[in-house]
N, C-alpha and C. Protein backbone atom coordinates (compact mmCIF):
# COMPACT_ATOMS: atom_id res chain seq x y z
N UNK A 1 200.97 55.28 79.73
CA UNK A 1 201.93 54.60 80.57
C UNK A 1 202.33 55.49 81.71
N UNK A 2 202.58 56.73 81.41
CA UNK A 2 203.00 57.64 82.45
C UNK A 2 201.81 58.09 83.27
N UNK A 3 200.64 58.01 82.64
CA UNK A 3 199.44 58.43 83.35
C UNK A 3 199.18 57.49 84.51
N UNK A 4 199.46 56.22 84.30
CA UNK A 4 199.21 55.30 85.37
C UNK A 4 200.09 55.63 86.54
N UNK A 5 201.26 56.16 86.27
CA UNK A 5 202.14 56.57 87.34
C UNK A 5 201.54 57.73 88.08
N UNK A 6 200.90 58.58 87.25
CA UNK A 6 200.27 59.73 87.85
C UNK A 6 199.24 59.28 88.85
N UNK A 7 198.40 58.33 88.48
CA UNK A 7 197.35 57.88 89.37
C UNK A 7 197.95 57.18 90.57
N UNK A 8 198.98 56.38 90.35
CA UNK A 8 199.62 55.71 91.46
C UNK A 8 200.19 56.74 92.42
N UNK A 9 200.79 57.79 91.88
CA UNK A 9 201.31 58.85 92.70
C UNK A 9 200.21 59.49 93.48
N UNK A 10 199.08 59.67 92.88
CA UNK A 10 197.96 60.28 93.56
C UNK A 10 197.52 59.40 94.71
N UNK A 11 197.70 58.13 94.58
CA UNK A 11 197.30 57.24 95.65
C UNK A 11 198.13 57.49 96.89
N UNK A 12 199.28 58.09 96.71
CA UNK A 12 200.16 58.41 97.82
C UNK A 12 199.60 59.53 98.66
N UNK A 13 198.59 60.13 98.15
CA UNK A 13 198.03 61.31 98.77
C UNK A 13 197.18 60.98 99.98
N UNK A 14 197.51 59.97 100.65
CA UNK A 14 196.78 59.50 101.81
C UNK A 14 196.86 60.52 102.94
N UNK A 15 195.75 60.69 103.62
CA UNK A 15 195.73 61.69 104.67
C UNK A 15 195.19 61.10 105.97
N UNK A 16 195.96 61.26 107.04
CA UNK A 16 195.46 60.91 108.38
C UNK A 16 195.61 62.17 109.23
N UNK A 17 194.56 62.57 109.87
CA UNK A 17 194.61 63.78 110.67
C UNK A 17 193.96 63.59 112.01
N UNK A 18 193.99 64.63 112.81
CA UNK A 18 193.41 64.58 114.14
C UNK A 18 191.90 64.81 114.07
N UNK A 19 191.46 65.72 113.24
CA UNK A 19 190.04 66.05 113.14
C UNK A 19 189.37 65.16 112.10
N UNK A 20 188.28 64.56 112.49
CA UNK A 20 187.53 63.69 111.58
C UNK A 20 186.71 64.57 110.64
N UNK A 21 187.16 64.67 109.42
CA UNK A 21 186.44 65.47 108.45
C UNK A 21 186.93 65.16 107.05
N UNK A 22 186.05 65.38 106.09
CA UNK A 22 186.44 65.20 104.71
C UNK A 22 186.90 66.55 104.18
N UNK A 23 188.08 66.54 103.56
CA UNK A 23 188.65 67.79 103.04
C UNK A 23 189.03 67.60 101.58
N UNK A 24 189.00 68.68 100.84
CA UNK A 24 189.42 68.65 99.45
C UNK A 24 190.94 68.74 99.35
N UNK A 25 191.46 68.15 98.31
CA UNK A 25 192.88 68.28 98.01
C UNK A 25 193.06 69.59 97.25
N UNK A 26 194.08 70.35 97.61
CA UNK A 26 194.37 71.62 96.95
C UNK A 26 195.12 71.32 95.65
N UNK A 27 194.39 71.27 94.54
CA UNK A 27 194.97 70.92 93.24
C UNK A 27 196.00 71.94 92.78
N UNK A 28 195.88 73.19 93.22
CA UNK A 28 196.82 74.23 92.80
C UNK A 28 198.18 74.11 93.48
N UNK A 29 198.22 73.52 94.67
CA UNK A 29 199.46 73.42 95.43
C UNK A 29 200.01 72.00 95.49
N UNK A 30 199.36 71.07 94.83
CA UNK A 30 199.78 69.66 94.86
C UNK A 30 200.41 69.28 93.53
N UNK A 31 201.43 68.45 93.58
CA UNK A 31 202.12 68.04 92.36
C UNK A 31 202.27 66.53 92.28
N UNK A 32 202.32 66.06 91.06
CA UNK A 32 202.54 64.65 90.78
C UNK A 32 203.54 64.57 89.63
N UNK A 33 204.59 63.80 89.83
CA UNK A 33 205.63 63.66 88.80
C UNK A 33 205.85 62.19 88.53
N UNK A 34 205.88 61.83 87.26
CA UNK A 34 206.09 60.45 86.84
C UNK A 34 207.44 60.36 86.14
N UNK A 35 208.21 59.36 86.51
CA UNK A 35 209.53 59.14 85.91
C UNK A 35 209.49 57.81 85.15
N UNK A 36 209.80 57.87 83.85
CA UNK A 36 209.81 56.68 83.01
C UNK A 36 211.24 56.47 82.50
N UNK A 37 211.83 55.35 82.90
CA UNK A 37 213.19 55.03 82.47
C UNK A 37 213.20 54.41 81.08
N UNK A 38 214.37 54.05 80.64
CA UNK A 38 214.54 53.45 79.32
C UNK A 38 215.32 52.15 79.46
N UNK A 39 215.15 51.29 78.47
CA UNK A 39 215.83 50.02 78.45
C UNK A 39 216.09 49.62 77.01
N UNK A 40 216.94 48.62 76.82
CA UNK A 40 217.22 48.14 75.47
C UNK A 40 218.69 48.31 75.11
N UNK A 41 219.09 47.65 74.03
CA UNK A 41 220.48 47.65 73.59
C UNK A 41 221.02 49.05 73.31
N UNK A 42 220.17 49.94 72.85
CA UNK A 42 220.59 51.30 72.51
C UNK A 42 220.00 52.33 73.46
N UNK A 43 219.75 51.92 74.70
CA UNK A 43 219.09 52.83 75.64
C UNK A 43 219.92 54.09 75.92
N UNK A 44 221.22 54.02 75.71
CA UNK A 44 222.07 55.20 75.89
C UNK A 44 221.75 56.31 74.91
N UNK A 45 221.05 55.98 73.83
CA UNK A 45 220.70 56.96 72.81
C UNK A 45 219.34 57.60 73.07
N UNK A 46 218.56 57.04 73.97
CA UNK A 46 217.22 57.55 74.23
C UNK A 46 217.18 58.48 75.43
N UNK A 47 216.00 59.00 75.69
CA UNK A 47 215.79 59.91 76.83
C UNK A 47 214.91 59.23 77.88
N UNK A 48 215.22 59.52 79.14
CA UNK A 48 214.29 59.15 80.18
C UNK A 48 213.22 60.22 80.18
N UNK A 49 212.02 59.86 80.56
CA UNK A 49 210.90 60.80 80.46
C UNK A 49 210.42 61.23 81.83
N UNK A 50 210.04 62.51 81.91
CA UNK A 50 209.44 63.07 83.10
C UNK A 50 208.11 63.66 82.70
N UNK A 51 207.07 63.30 83.43
CA UNK A 51 205.72 63.75 83.12
C UNK A 51 205.13 64.41 84.36
N UNK A 52 204.50 65.56 84.16
CA UNK A 52 203.79 66.22 85.26
C UNK A 52 202.30 66.00 85.05
N UNK A 53 201.65 65.68 86.15
CA UNK A 53 200.22 65.36 86.09
C UNK A 53 199.46 66.23 87.08
N UNK A 54 198.61 67.10 86.59
CA UNK A 54 197.80 67.89 87.52
C UNK A 54 196.69 67.04 88.14
N UNK A 55 196.39 67.32 89.38
CA UNK A 55 195.29 66.66 90.06
C UNK A 55 194.02 67.41 89.69
N UNK A 56 193.07 66.71 89.12
CA UNK A 56 191.81 67.35 88.73
C UNK A 56 190.94 67.62 89.95
N UNK A 57 190.81 66.61 90.81
CA UNK A 57 190.03 66.76 92.04
C UNK A 57 190.38 65.64 92.99
N UNK A 58 190.01 65.81 94.25
CA UNK A 58 190.26 64.76 95.23
C UNK A 58 189.80 65.17 96.60
N UNK A 59 189.57 64.15 97.43
CA UNK A 59 189.16 64.37 98.81
C UNK A 59 189.91 63.42 99.73
N UNK A 60 189.99 63.81 100.98
CA UNK A 60 190.61 62.97 102.00
C UNK A 60 189.75 63.03 103.25
N UNK A 61 189.47 61.87 103.82
CA UNK A 61 188.75 61.78 105.08
C UNK A 61 189.79 61.55 106.16
N UNK A 62 189.90 62.49 107.08
CA UNK A 62 190.94 62.43 108.10
C UNK A 62 190.41 61.89 109.43
N UNK A 63 189.32 61.13 109.36
CA UNK A 63 188.71 60.60 110.58
C UNK A 63 189.31 59.29 111.04
N UNK A 64 188.52 58.54 111.80
CA UNK A 64 188.96 57.28 112.38
C UNK A 64 189.29 56.24 111.31
N UNK A 65 188.63 56.34 110.17
CA UNK A 65 188.89 55.43 109.06
C UNK A 65 189.35 56.27 107.87
N UNK A 66 190.63 56.65 107.86
CA UNK A 66 191.15 57.54 106.83
C UNK A 66 190.93 56.97 105.43
N UNK A 67 190.63 57.86 104.51
CA UNK A 67 190.41 57.45 103.13
C UNK A 67 190.77 58.60 102.20
N UNK A 68 191.12 58.26 100.97
CA UNK A 68 191.43 59.28 99.97
C UNK A 68 190.91 58.83 98.62
N UNK A 69 190.48 59.80 97.82
CA UNK A 69 190.07 59.53 96.44
C UNK A 69 190.64 60.66 95.58
N UNK A 70 191.33 60.28 94.52
CA UNK A 70 192.01 61.24 93.65
C UNK A 70 191.58 61.01 92.21
N UNK A 71 191.34 62.12 91.49
CA UNK A 71 190.97 62.06 90.07
C UNK A 71 191.97 62.90 89.26
N UNK A 72 192.47 62.31 88.17
CA UNK A 72 193.41 62.98 87.28
C UNK A 72 192.83 62.91 85.87
N UNK A 73 192.82 64.03 85.17
CA UNK A 73 192.38 64.05 83.78
C UNK A 73 193.56 63.59 82.92
N UNK A 74 193.45 62.40 82.34
CA UNK A 74 194.55 61.81 81.56
C UNK A 74 194.98 62.71 80.41
N UNK A 75 194.07 63.48 79.86
CA UNK A 75 194.38 64.35 78.72
C UNK A 75 195.24 65.55 79.10
N UNK A 76 195.41 65.79 80.42
CA UNK A 76 196.20 66.94 80.88
C UNK A 76 197.62 66.58 81.29
N UNK A 77 198.03 65.32 81.13
CA UNK A 77 199.40 64.95 81.45
C UNK A 77 200.34 65.65 80.48
N UNK A 78 201.50 66.08 80.99
CA UNK A 78 202.42 66.87 80.17
C UNK A 78 203.83 66.33 80.28
N UNK A 79 204.44 65.99 79.14
CA UNK A 79 205.82 65.54 79.07
C UNK A 79 206.72 66.77 79.23
N UNK A 80 207.66 66.71 80.19
CA UNK A 80 208.53 67.86 80.48
C UNK A 80 210.00 67.50 80.40
N UNK A 81 210.36 66.49 79.60
CA UNK A 81 211.75 66.04 79.50
C UNK A 81 212.70 67.22 79.31
N UNK A 82 213.66 67.36 80.21
CA UNK A 82 214.59 68.48 80.16
C UNK A 82 215.64 68.32 79.06
N UNK A 83 216.04 67.09 78.78
CA UNK A 83 217.11 66.86 77.81
C UNK A 83 216.61 66.59 76.40
N UNK A 84 215.34 66.79 76.15
CA UNK A 84 214.76 66.52 74.83
C UNK A 84 214.39 67.84 74.15
N UNK A 85 214.39 67.80 72.82
CA UNK A 85 213.97 68.97 72.05
C UNK A 85 212.44 69.09 72.12
N UNK A 86 211.92 70.24 71.72
CA UNK A 86 210.48 70.44 71.70
C UNK A 86 209.81 69.41 70.79
N UNK A 87 210.45 69.11 69.67
CA UNK A 87 209.91 68.12 68.73
C UNK A 87 209.85 66.73 69.38
N UNK A 88 210.91 66.36 70.08
CA UNK A 88 210.94 65.05 70.75
C UNK A 88 209.87 64.97 71.85
N UNK A 89 209.72 66.05 72.62
CA UNK A 89 208.69 66.07 73.67
C UNK A 89 207.30 65.92 73.05
N UNK A 90 207.07 66.59 71.93
CA UNK A 90 205.76 66.51 71.26
C UNK A 90 205.48 65.09 70.78
N UNK A 91 206.50 64.39 70.28
CA UNK A 91 206.32 63.01 69.82
C UNK A 91 206.00 62.09 70.98
N UNK A 92 206.71 62.26 72.09
CA UNK A 92 206.46 61.44 73.28
C UNK A 92 205.06 61.73 73.82
N UNK A 93 204.68 63.01 73.85
CA UNK A 93 203.35 63.41 74.31
C UNK A 93 202.26 62.73 73.48
N UNK A 94 202.41 62.77 72.17
CA UNK A 94 201.42 62.18 71.26
C UNK A 94 201.30 60.67 71.50
N UNK A 95 202.43 59.99 71.64
CA UNK A 95 202.41 58.55 71.90
C UNK A 95 201.77 58.25 73.25
N UNK A 96 202.15 59.01 74.27
CA UNK A 96 201.64 58.77 75.62
C UNK A 96 200.12 58.90 75.68
N UNK A 97 199.57 59.93 75.06
CA UNK A 97 198.12 60.16 75.11
C UNK A 97 197.35 59.31 74.10
N UNK A 98 198.05 58.78 73.11
CA UNK A 98 197.42 58.04 72.02
C UNK A 98 196.93 56.65 72.39
N UNK A 99 196.34 55.94 71.41
CA UNK A 99 195.71 54.65 71.65
C UNK A 99 196.68 53.55 72.08
N UNK A 100 197.97 53.69 71.78
CA UNK A 100 198.94 52.65 72.15
C UNK A 100 199.26 52.65 73.65
N UNK A 101 199.12 53.81 74.28
CA UNK A 101 199.51 53.90 75.69
C UNK A 101 198.28 54.23 76.56
N UNK A 102 197.98 55.49 76.78
CA UNK A 102 196.89 55.86 77.69
C UNK A 102 195.52 55.86 77.04
N UNK A 103 195.47 56.01 75.74
CA UNK A 103 194.20 56.09 75.01
C UNK A 103 193.28 57.10 75.71
N UNK A 104 193.82 58.31 75.91
CA UNK A 104 193.13 59.32 76.70
C UNK A 104 191.82 59.81 76.09
N UNK A 105 191.62 59.62 74.79
CA UNK A 105 190.32 60.00 74.20
C UNK A 105 189.22 59.06 74.68
N UNK A 106 189.55 57.79 74.87
CA UNK A 106 188.56 56.81 75.33
C UNK A 106 188.51 56.70 76.86
N UNK A 107 189.65 56.96 77.50
CA UNK A 107 189.75 56.81 78.96
C UNK A 107 190.23 58.14 79.54
N UNK A 108 189.29 59.04 79.76
CA UNK A 108 189.61 60.41 80.18
C UNK A 108 190.18 60.51 81.59
N UNK A 109 189.76 59.63 82.46
CA UNK A 109 190.07 59.82 83.87
C UNK A 109 190.90 58.68 84.45
N UNK A 110 191.83 59.07 85.30
CA UNK A 110 192.62 58.14 86.11
C UNK A 110 192.15 58.35 87.55
N UNK A 111 191.84 57.26 88.25
CA UNK A 111 191.26 57.39 89.59
C UNK A 111 191.98 56.46 90.56
N UNK A 112 192.27 56.98 91.74
CA UNK A 112 192.77 56.17 92.84
C UNK A 112 191.79 56.30 94.00
N UNK A 113 191.40 55.14 94.57
CA UNK A 113 190.54 55.10 95.76
C UNK A 113 191.22 54.21 96.79
N UNK A 114 191.45 54.76 97.96
CA UNK A 114 192.09 53.96 99.01
C UNK A 114 191.11 52.95 99.58
N UNK A 115 191.67 51.85 100.08
CA UNK A 115 190.87 50.80 100.71
C UNK A 115 191.31 50.54 102.16
N UNK A 116 192.56 50.89 102.49
CA UNK A 116 193.09 50.67 103.84
C UNK A 116 194.37 51.48 104.01
N UNK A 117 194.72 51.69 105.28
CA UNK A 117 195.96 52.41 105.61
C UNK A 117 196.59 51.76 106.82
N UNK A 118 197.91 51.56 106.75
CA UNK A 118 198.67 50.99 107.86
C UNK A 118 199.69 52.02 108.32
N UNK A 119 199.68 52.34 109.60
CA UNK A 119 200.69 53.24 110.15
C UNK A 119 202.02 52.50 110.18
N UNK A 120 203.08 53.19 109.73
CA UNK A 120 204.42 52.58 109.74
C UNK A 120 205.37 53.39 110.60
N UNK A 121 204.83 54.31 111.39
CA UNK A 121 205.64 55.17 112.25
C UNK A 121 204.99 56.52 112.39
N UNK A 122 205.63 57.39 113.16
CA UNK A 122 205.11 58.74 113.37
C UNK A 122 205.04 59.48 112.04
N UNK A 123 203.82 59.82 111.59
CA UNK A 123 203.65 60.57 110.35
C UNK A 123 203.95 59.78 109.08
N UNK A 124 203.89 58.45 109.16
CA UNK A 124 204.19 57.62 107.99
C UNK A 124 203.15 56.50 107.87
N UNK A 125 202.76 56.22 106.61
CA UNK A 125 201.77 55.19 106.35
C UNK A 125 202.08 54.44 105.07
N UNK A 126 201.53 53.23 105.02
CA UNK A 126 201.43 52.51 103.75
C UNK A 126 199.95 52.56 103.39
N UNK A 127 199.67 53.13 102.24
CA UNK A 127 198.30 53.28 101.77
C UNK A 127 198.01 52.20 100.74
N UNK A 128 196.93 51.47 100.94
CA UNK A 128 196.48 50.44 100.00
C UNK A 128 195.25 50.99 99.27
N UNK A 129 195.15 50.67 97.99
CA UNK A 129 193.99 51.14 97.26
C UNK A 129 193.94 50.56 95.86
N UNK A 130 192.97 51.05 95.08
CA UNK A 130 192.79 50.60 93.70
C UNK A 130 193.01 51.77 92.76
N UNK A 131 193.81 51.50 91.73
CA UNK A 131 194.11 52.49 90.71
C UNK A 131 193.42 52.07 89.42
N UNK A 132 192.65 52.98 88.83
CA UNK A 132 192.00 52.71 87.56
C UNK A 132 192.68 53.56 86.50
N UNK A 133 193.24 52.88 85.51
CA UNK A 133 193.99 53.52 84.44
C UNK A 133 193.70 52.78 83.14
N UNK A 134 193.34 53.51 82.13
CA UNK A 134 193.07 52.94 80.81
C UNK A 134 192.02 51.82 80.87
N UNK A 135 191.05 51.96 81.77
CA UNK A 135 189.98 50.99 81.88
C UNK A 135 190.31 49.76 82.69
N UNK A 136 191.50 49.70 83.27
CA UNK A 136 191.92 48.58 84.10
C UNK A 136 192.06 49.05 85.55
N UNK A 137 191.54 48.26 86.48
CA UNK A 137 191.66 48.58 87.90
C UNK A 137 192.55 47.54 88.56
N UNK A 138 193.58 48.01 89.25
CA UNK A 138 194.54 47.12 89.90
C UNK A 138 194.85 47.66 91.30
N UNK A 139 195.19 46.75 92.24
CA UNK A 139 195.59 47.20 93.58
C UNK A 139 196.99 47.81 93.53
N UNK A 140 197.18 48.86 94.32
CA UNK A 140 198.50 49.49 94.44
C UNK A 140 198.77 49.78 95.92
N UNK A 141 200.04 49.92 96.23
CA UNK A 141 200.48 50.23 97.59
C UNK A 141 201.41 51.44 97.50
N UNK A 142 201.17 52.43 98.36
CA UNK A 142 201.93 53.68 98.31
C UNK A 142 202.47 54.02 99.68
N UNK A 143 203.72 54.48 99.72
CA UNK A 143 204.34 54.94 100.97
C UNK A 143 204.11 56.44 101.10
N UNK A 144 203.61 56.89 102.25
CA UNK A 144 203.26 58.30 102.47
C UNK A 144 203.90 58.81 103.75
N UNK A 145 204.38 60.05 103.68
CA UNK A 145 204.95 60.72 104.86
C UNK A 145 204.28 62.09 105.02
N UNK A 146 203.90 62.43 106.24
CA UNK A 146 203.35 63.76 106.55
C UNK A 146 204.45 64.56 107.23
N UNK A 147 204.79 65.70 106.62
CA UNK A 147 205.81 66.58 107.19
C UNK A 147 205.45 68.02 106.83
N UNK A 148 205.37 68.87 107.82
CA UNK A 148 205.08 70.30 107.62
C UNK A 148 203.79 70.51 106.84
N UNK A 149 202.76 69.70 107.11
CA UNK A 149 201.46 69.86 106.46
C UNK A 149 201.40 69.36 105.02
N UNK A 150 202.44 68.67 104.59
CA UNK A 150 202.49 68.15 103.21
C UNK A 150 202.60 66.63 103.25
N UNK A 151 201.83 65.99 102.39
CA UNK A 151 201.88 64.54 102.23
C UNK A 151 202.74 64.26 101.01
N UNK A 152 203.87 63.59 101.25
CA UNK A 152 204.78 63.26 100.16
C UNK A 152 204.99 61.76 100.12
N UNK A 153 205.44 61.27 98.98
CA UNK A 153 205.72 59.85 98.88
C UNK A 153 205.97 59.43 97.46
N UNK A 154 206.05 58.12 97.31
CA UNK A 154 206.30 57.56 95.99
C UNK A 154 205.83 56.12 95.92
N UNK A 155 205.71 55.66 94.69
CA UNK A 155 205.37 54.27 94.43
C UNK A 155 205.89 53.92 93.05
N UNK A 156 205.88 52.64 92.77
CA UNK A 156 206.27 52.15 91.45
C UNK A 156 205.16 51.23 90.95
N UNK A 157 204.76 51.42 89.69
CA UNK A 157 203.75 50.57 89.08
C UNK A 157 204.25 50.07 87.74
N UNK A 158 203.69 48.96 87.29
CA UNK A 158 204.04 48.39 85.98
C UNK A 158 202.98 48.77 84.96
N UNK A 159 203.43 49.26 83.82
CA UNK A 159 202.52 49.63 82.75
C UNK A 159 201.72 48.41 82.27
N UNK A 160 202.40 47.27 82.17
CA UNK A 160 201.73 46.06 81.65
C UNK A 160 200.58 45.62 82.54
N UNK A 161 200.59 45.99 83.83
CA UNK A 161 199.47 45.65 84.71
C UNK A 161 198.19 46.36 84.29
N UNK A 162 198.33 47.41 83.49
CA UNK A 162 197.19 48.20 83.05
C UNK A 162 196.94 48.07 81.55
N UNK A 163 197.46 46.99 80.97
CA UNK A 163 197.22 46.73 79.55
C UNK A 163 198.03 47.58 78.60
N UNK A 164 199.13 48.15 79.08
CA UNK A 164 199.97 49.01 78.26
C UNK A 164 201.28 48.30 77.94
N UNK A 165 201.61 48.23 76.66
CA UNK A 165 202.91 47.71 76.24
C UNK A 165 203.86 48.91 76.19
N UNK A 166 204.95 48.88 76.98
CA UNK A 166 205.86 50.03 76.97
C UNK A 166 206.33 50.34 75.54
N UNK A 167 206.13 51.60 75.10
CA UNK A 167 206.48 51.96 73.73
C UNK A 167 207.99 52.09 73.53
N UNK A 168 208.40 52.03 72.29
CA UNK A 168 209.80 52.21 71.94
C UNK A 168 210.05 51.78 70.52
N UNK A 169 211.33 51.94 70.12
CA UNK A 169 211.73 51.57 68.77
C UNK A 169 213.24 51.38 68.73
N UNK A 170 213.71 50.68 67.74
CA UNK A 170 215.14 50.52 67.43
C UNK A 170 216.04 50.31 68.65
N UNK A 171 215.69 49.34 69.49
CA UNK A 171 216.56 49.00 70.61
C UNK A 171 216.45 49.91 71.82
N UNK A 172 215.50 50.84 71.81
CA UNK A 172 215.27 51.73 72.96
C UNK A 172 213.78 51.75 73.23
N UNK A 173 213.40 51.40 74.45
CA UNK A 173 211.99 51.47 74.80
C UNK A 173 211.84 51.86 76.26
N UNK A 174 210.64 52.27 76.60
CA UNK A 174 210.33 52.67 77.98
C UNK A 174 210.35 51.43 78.87
N UNK A 175 210.83 51.61 80.08
CA UNK A 175 210.79 50.52 81.06
C UNK A 175 209.35 50.25 81.44
N UNK A 176 209.08 49.01 81.82
CA UNK A 176 207.74 48.63 82.27
C UNK A 176 207.39 49.32 83.58
N UNK A 177 208.34 49.36 84.51
CA UNK A 177 208.09 49.98 85.80
C UNK A 177 208.33 51.48 85.72
N UNK A 178 207.38 52.24 86.26
CA UNK A 178 207.50 53.68 86.31
C UNK A 178 207.39 54.14 87.76
N UNK A 179 208.11 55.19 88.10
CA UNK A 179 208.12 55.71 89.46
C UNK A 179 207.25 56.96 89.51
N UNK A 180 206.41 57.01 90.53
CA UNK A 180 205.53 58.16 90.73
C UNK A 180 205.87 58.82 92.06
N UNK A 181 206.09 60.13 92.01
CA UNK A 181 206.36 60.90 93.22
C UNK A 181 205.24 61.95 93.37
N UNK A 182 204.90 62.26 94.62
CA UNK A 182 203.85 63.25 94.82
C UNK A 182 204.14 64.12 96.03
N UNK A 183 203.55 65.30 96.00
CA UNK A 183 203.61 66.28 97.07
C UNK A 183 202.20 66.89 97.13
N UNK A 184 201.42 66.53 98.14
CA UNK A 184 200.01 66.90 98.20
C UNK A 184 199.71 67.73 99.45
N UNK A 185 198.86 68.73 99.24
CA UNK A 185 198.38 69.56 100.35
C UNK A 185 196.87 69.58 100.33
N UNK A 186 196.29 69.74 101.50
CA UNK A 186 194.83 69.82 101.62
C UNK A 186 194.38 71.27 101.59
N UNK A 187 193.19 71.49 101.05
CA UNK A 187 192.63 72.85 101.00
C UNK A 187 192.17 73.27 102.38
């Protein structure tokens, strides 16, 4: 569930530049963070989840027809909830990577490929593309801003769009919509 946010966040990594060239994304300096809220009658008793997702690889074409492709290894997503114990984080991690949510053993990779970009102002774009998560490919739209050589932005995706039922128990479960934030730099 959170992995799909990771991929959606990666879709934000849209790049438009002056020089027409394909460049690699700097995976060491780029970050993706997924925020999963909670819902239900007892949601006050649960934790909101924060997941960090490393970018495995990616490229951006900064030419006349800008394009981006991002790859994330679903098995490398990491739950970093600040208000949870180590045991609670481990349980959430196991559920997230397991067959009920991401099924990362069967679906190793999350991929975003852009299909179009619309300028929305100086250094700002709406990036359109397809996100593949857990074997499902769906269109996504991401808002991107270029500032100081960094592409930042966010998007929101629904887990159910990718065949994931938000997990939970006893009146507390993950929200269907998850927010993905990213900060991407080119190599």
